[in-house]
């Protein structure tokens, strides 16, 4: 190994790297891993209870509301009488789990009509309202 001195007139850098600290750190890490590796494989035996019931994943009903260009409303592809929407949504809102409403409207439909349907769903207590759209063509 080469050591620098104060009286040395040569200004050349040291050509060797001191490997002793690196080897010391690696040996310490090796010893730590050797000691801790058996401790990680031990586990605690726990006697868990057994259940016979299957999980109950009840999916909510989906109500598909559609508005055509003229503003006519359809409930799952069946026409809806103008004044009966709120009553039908209120009756559907009492079910457990609460249904989801998916609203699709023609692009020519007036926004006022869409807002009326949204307001009726809110008055009926519907919590989940989604809008059905199509992605733009050509993307």
C-alpha atoms as a PDB file:
ATOM      1  CA  UNK A   1       0.000   0.000   0.000  1.00  0.00           C
ATOM      2  CA  UNK A   2       1.133   3.490  -0.589  1.00  0.00           C
ATOM      3  CA  UNK A   3       0.805   6.259   1.935  1.00  0.00           C
ATOM      4  CA  UNK A   4       1.201   9.934   1.251  1.00  0.00           C
ATOM      5  CA  UNK A   5       3.725  11.993   3.198  1.00  0.00           C
ATOM      6  CA  UNK A   6       4.137  15.680   3.903  1.00  0.00           C
ATOM      7  CA  UNK A   7       7.676  15.795   2.626  1.00  0.00           C
ATOM      8  CA  UNK A   8       6.893  14.142  -0.692  1.00  0.00           C
ATOM      9  CA  UNK A   9       7.292  16.574  -3.578  1.00  0.00           C
ATOM     10  CA  UNK A  10       5.409  14.452  -6.114  1.00  0.00           C
ATOM     11  CA  UNK A  11       1.821  15.593  -6.598  1.00  0.00           C
ATOM     12  CA  UNK A  12       0.540  12.322  -8.005  1.00  0.00           C
ATOM     13  CA  UNK A  13      -2.725  10.858  -6.690  1.00  0.00           C
ATOM     14  CA  UNK A  14      -2.824   7.524  -4.908  1.00  0.00           C
ATOM     15  CA  UNK A  15      -3.249   4.689  -7.407  1.00  0.00           C
ATOM     16  CA  UNK A  16      -4.620   2.102  -4.941  1.00  0.00           C
ATOM     17  CA  UNK A  17      -7.978   2.022  -3.162  1.00  0.00           C
ATOM     18  CA  UNK A  18      -7.949   1.128   0.519  1.00  0.00           C
ATOM     19  CA  UNK A  19     -10.119  -2.033   0.652  1.00  0.00           C
ATOM     20  CA  UNK A  20      -9.866  -2.685   4.395  1.00  0.00           C
ATOM     21  CA  UNK A  21     -12.977  -0.708   5.473  1.00  0.00           C
ATOM     22  CA  UNK A  22     -15.045  -2.267   2.683  1.00  0.00           C
ATOM     23  CA  UNK A  23     -14.031  -5.797   3.691  1.00  0.00           C
ATOM     24  CA  UNK A  24     -14.767  -5.032   7.364  1.00  0.00           C
ATOM     25  CA  UNK A  25     -18.284  -3.798   6.549  1.00  0.00           C
ATOM     26  CA  UNK A  26     -19.008  -6.797   4.325  1.00  0.00           C
ATOM     27  CA  UNK A  27     -17.894  -9.248   7.030  1.00  0.00           C
ATOM     28  CA  UNK A  28     -20.060  -7.548   9.634  1.00  0.00           C
ATOM     29  CA  UNK A  29     -23.089  -7.697   7.295  1.00  0.00           C
ATOM     30  CA  UNK A  30     -22.402 -11.363   6.550  1.00  0.00           C
ATOM     31  CA  UNK A  31     -22.337 -12.197  10.271  1.00  0.00           C
ATOM     32  CA  UNK A  32     -25.571 -10.263  10.863  1.00  0.00           C
ATOM     33  CA  UNK A  33     -27.341 -12.130   8.053  1.00  0.00           C
ATOM     34  CA  UNK A  34     -26.048 -15.511   9.256  1.00  0.00           C
ATOM     35  CA  UNK A  35     -27.346 -14.835  12.760  1.00  0.00           C
ATOM     36  CA  UNK A  36     -30.740 -13.387  11.756  1.00  0.00           C
ATOM     37  CA  UNK A  37     -31.639 -15.776   8.900  1.00  0.00           C
ATOM     38  CA  UNK A  38     -32.775 -18.673  11.154  1.00  0.00           C
ATOM     39  CA  UNK A  39     -34.954 -16.283  13.167  1.00  0.00           C
ATOM     40  CA  UNK A  40     -36.967 -15.286  10.097  1.00  0.00           C
ATOM     41  CA  UNK A  41     -38.047 -18.844   9.319  1.00  0.00           C
ATOM     42  CA  UNK A  42     -39.702 -19.435  12.689  1.00  0.00           C
ATOM     43  CA  UNK A  43     -43.440 -18.905  12.817  1.00  0.00           C
ATOM     44  CA  UNK A  44     -46.113 -18.883  15.453  1.00  0.00           C
ATOM     45  CA  UNK A  45     -48.714 -21.645  15.286  1.00  0.00           C
ATOM     46  CA  UNK A  46     -52.212 -20.201  15.587  1.00  0.00           C
ATOM     47  CA  UNK A  47     -55.365 -22.294  15.546  1.00  0.00           C
ATOM     48  CA  UNK A  48     -57.792 -20.248  13.448  1.00  0.00           C
ATOM     49  CA  UNK A  49     -61.563 -20.799  13.574  1.00  0.00           C
ATOM     50  CA  UNK A  50     -63.287 -22.470  10.644  1.00  0.00           C
ATOM     51  CA  UNK A  51     -66.407 -21.021   9.005  1.00  0.00           C
ATOM     52  CA  UNK A  52     -68.978 -22.779   6.882  1.00  0.00           C
ATOM     53  CA  UNK A  53     -70.687 -19.735   5.323  1.00  0.00           C
ATOM     54  CA  UNK A  54     -69.702 -18.412   1.926  1.00  0.00           C
ATOM     55  CA  UNK A  55     -69.053 -14.688   1.501  1.00  0.00           C
ATOM     56  CA  UNK A  56     -72.167 -12.814   0.469  1.00  0.00           C
ATOM     57  CA  UNK A  57     -71.336 -10.481  -2.407  1.00  0.00           C
ATOM     58  CA  UNK A  58     -74.658  -9.000  -3.399  1.00  0.00           C
ATOM     59  CA  UNK A  59     -74.372  -6.844  -6.473  1.00  0.00           C
ATOM     60  CA  UNK A  60     -76.725  -3.871  -6.644  1.00  0.00           C
ATOM     61  CA  UNK A  61     -79.305  -3.672  -9.405  1.00  0.00           C
ATOM     62  CA  UNK A  62     -78.445  -1.474 -12.367  1.00  0.00           C
ATOM     63  CA  UNK A  63     -81.147   0.791 -13.751  1.00  0.00           C
ATOM     64  CA  UNK A  64     -80.354   1.939 -17.285  1.00  0.00           C
ATOM     65  CA  UNK A  65     -82.080   5.219 -18.102  1.00  0.00           C
ATOM     66  CA  UNK A  66     -81.842   6.475 -21.675  1.00  0.00           C
ATOM     67  CA  UNK A  67     -82.926   9.772 -23.198  1.00  0.00           C
ATOM     68  CA  UNK A  68     -83.411   9.976 -26.941  1.00  0.00           C
ATOM     69  CA  UNK A  69     -83.001  13.112 -29.065  1.00  0.00           C
ATOM     70  CA  UNK A  70     -86.632  14.096 -28.506  1.00  0.00           C
ATOM     71  CA  UNK A  71     -86.322  13.885 -24.717  1.00  0.00           C
ATOM     72  CA  UNK A  72     -88.293  10.639 -24.353  1.00  0.00           C
ATOM     73  CA  UNK A  73     -87.155   8.559 -21.385  1.00  0.00           C
ATOM     74  CA  UNK A  74     -86.578   4.778 -21.341  1.00  0.00           C
ATOM     75  CA  UNK A  75     -86.162   2.594 -18.248  1.00  0.00           C
ATOM     76  CA  UNK A  76     -84.184  -0.531 -19.241  1.00  0.00           C
ATOM     77  CA  UNK A  77     -85.372  -0.099 -22.860  1.00  0.00           C
ATOM     78  CA  UNK A  78     -89.061   0.331 -21.925  1.00  0.00           C
ATOM     79  CA  UNK A  79     -90.688   3.774 -22.331  1.00  0.00           C
ATOM     80  CA  UNK A  80     -91.499   5.674 -19.142  1.00  0.00           C
ATOM     81  CA  UNK A  81     -94.644   7.750 -18.682  1.00  0.00           C
ATOM     82  CA  UNK A  82     -93.698  11.398 -18.052  1.00  0.00           C
ATOM     83  CA  UNK A  83     -94.854  11.704 -14.408  1.00  0.00           C
ATOM     84  CA  UNK A  84     -93.953   8.229 -13.148  1.00  0.00           C
ATOM     85  CA  UNK A  85     -90.143   8.525 -13.079  1.00  0.00           C
ATOM     86  CA  UNK A  86     -89.878   9.853  -9.524  1.00  0.00           C
ATOM     87  CA  UNK A  87     -92.267   7.213  -8.171  1.00  0.00           C
ATOM     88  CA  UNK A  88     -90.388   4.383  -9.908  1.00  0.00           C
ATOM     89  CA  UNK A  89     -87.004   5.671  -8.716  1.00  0.00           C
ATOM     90  CA  UNK A  90     -88.319   6.073  -5.149  1.00  0.00           C
ATOM     91  CA  UNK A  91     -89.607   2.503  -5.171  1.00  0.00           C
ATOM     92  CA  UNK A  92     -86.286   1.217  -6.558  1.00  0.00           C
ATOM     93  CA  UNK A  93     -84.333   3.269  -3.991  1.00  0.00           C
ATOM     94  CA  UNK A  94     -85.884   1.291  -1.120  1.00  0.00           C
ATOM     95  CA  UNK A  95     -84.182  -1.946  -2.199  1.00  0.00           C
ATOM     96  CA  UNK A  96     -81.110  -3.214  -0.373  1.00  0.00           C
ATOM     97  CA  UNK A  97     -78.455  -2.770  -1.683  1.00  0.00           C
ATOM     98  CA  UNK A  98     -79.372   0.522  -3.295  1.00  0.00           C
ATOM     99  CA  UNK A  99     -79.423   0.354  -7.103  1.00  0.00           C
ATOM    100  CA  UNK A 100     -77.063   2.161  -9.434  1.00  0.00           C
ATOM    101  CA  UNK A 101     -78.499   4.385 -12.165  1.00  0.00           C
ATOM    102  CA  UNK A 102     -76.678   4.528 -15.490  1.00  0.00           C
ATOM    103  CA  UNK A 103     -77.853   7.475 -17.580  1.00  0.00           C
ATOM    104  CA  UNK A 104     -77.194   7.693 -21.309  1.00  0.00           C
ATOM    105  CA  UNK A 105     -78.481  10.594 -23.354  1.00  0.00           C
ATOM    106  CA  UNK A 106     -78.416  11.372 -27.042  1.00  0.00           C
ATOM    107  CA  UNK A 107     -75.992  14.182 -27.891  1.00  0.00           C
ATOM    108  CA  UNK A 108     -78.913  16.209 -29.262  1.00  0.00           C
ATOM    109  CA  UNK A 109     -80.863  15.978 -25.971  1.00  0.00           C
ATOM    110  CA  UNK A 110     -81.396  19.269 -24.165  1.00  0.00           C
ATOM    111  CA  UNK A 111     -79.359  19.532 -20.973  1.00  0.00           C
ATOM    112  CA  UNK A 112     -82.491  20.647 -19.098  1.00  0.00           C
ATOM    113  CA  UNK A 113     -84.024  17.201 -19.631  1.00  0.00           C
ATOM    114  CA  UNK A 114     -80.858  15.475 -18.378  1.00  0.00           C
ATOM    115  CA  UNK A 115     -80.856  17.750 -15.310  1.00  0.00           C
ATOM    116  CA  UNK A 116     -84.510  16.855 -14.604  1.00  0.00           C
ATOM    117  CA  UNK A 117     -83.674  13.136 -14.610  1.00  0.00           C
ATOM    118  CA  UNK A 118     -80.667  13.729 -12.348  1.00  0.00           C
ATOM    119  CA  UNK A 119     -82.826  15.775  -9.969  1.00  0.00           C
ATOM    120  CA  UNK A 120     -85.476  13.040  -9.850  1.00  0.00           C
ATOM    121  CA  UNK A 121     -82.806  10.459  -8.995  1.00  0.00           C
ATOM    122  CA  UNK A 122     -81.499  12.642  -6.193  1.00  0.00           C
ATOM    123  CA  UNK A 123     -84.995  13.229  -4.780  1.00  0.00           C
ATOM    124  CA  UNK A 124     -85.591   9.471  -4.840  1.00  0.00           C
ATOM    125  CA  UNK A 125     -82.479   8.900  -2.709  1.00  0.00           C
ATOM    126  CA  UNK A 126     -80.327   7.272  -5.392  1.00  0.00           C
ATOM    127  CA  UNK A 127     -76.689   7.561  -4.283  1.00  0.00           C
ATOM    128  CA  UNK A 128     -74.893   6.228  -7.358  1.00  0.00           C
ATOM    129  CA  UNK A 129     -75.511   7.878 -10.720  1.00  0.00           C
ATOM    130  CA  UNK A 130     -73.242   7.211 -13.688  1.00  0.00           C
ATOM    131  CA  UNK A 131     -73.135   8.602 -17.209  1.00  0.00           C
ATOM    132  CA  UNK A 132     -72.691   6.320 -20.204  1.00  0.00           C
ATOM    133  CA  UNK A 133     -70.666   7.830 -23.058  1.00  0.00           C
ATOM    134  CA  UNK A 134     -68.741   6.598 -26.068  1.00  0.00           C
ATOM    135  CA  UNK A 135     -65.034   7.273 -26.593  1.00  0.00           C
ATOM    136  CA  UNK A 136     -64.175   9.605 -29.471  1.00  0.00           C
ATOM    137  CA  UNK A 137     -63.694   7.892 -32.819  1.00  0.00           C
ATOM    138  CA  UNK A 138     -60.161   7.764 -34.209  1.00  0.00           C
ATOM    139  CA  UNK A 139     -58.182   7.723 -30.971  1.00  0.00           C
END
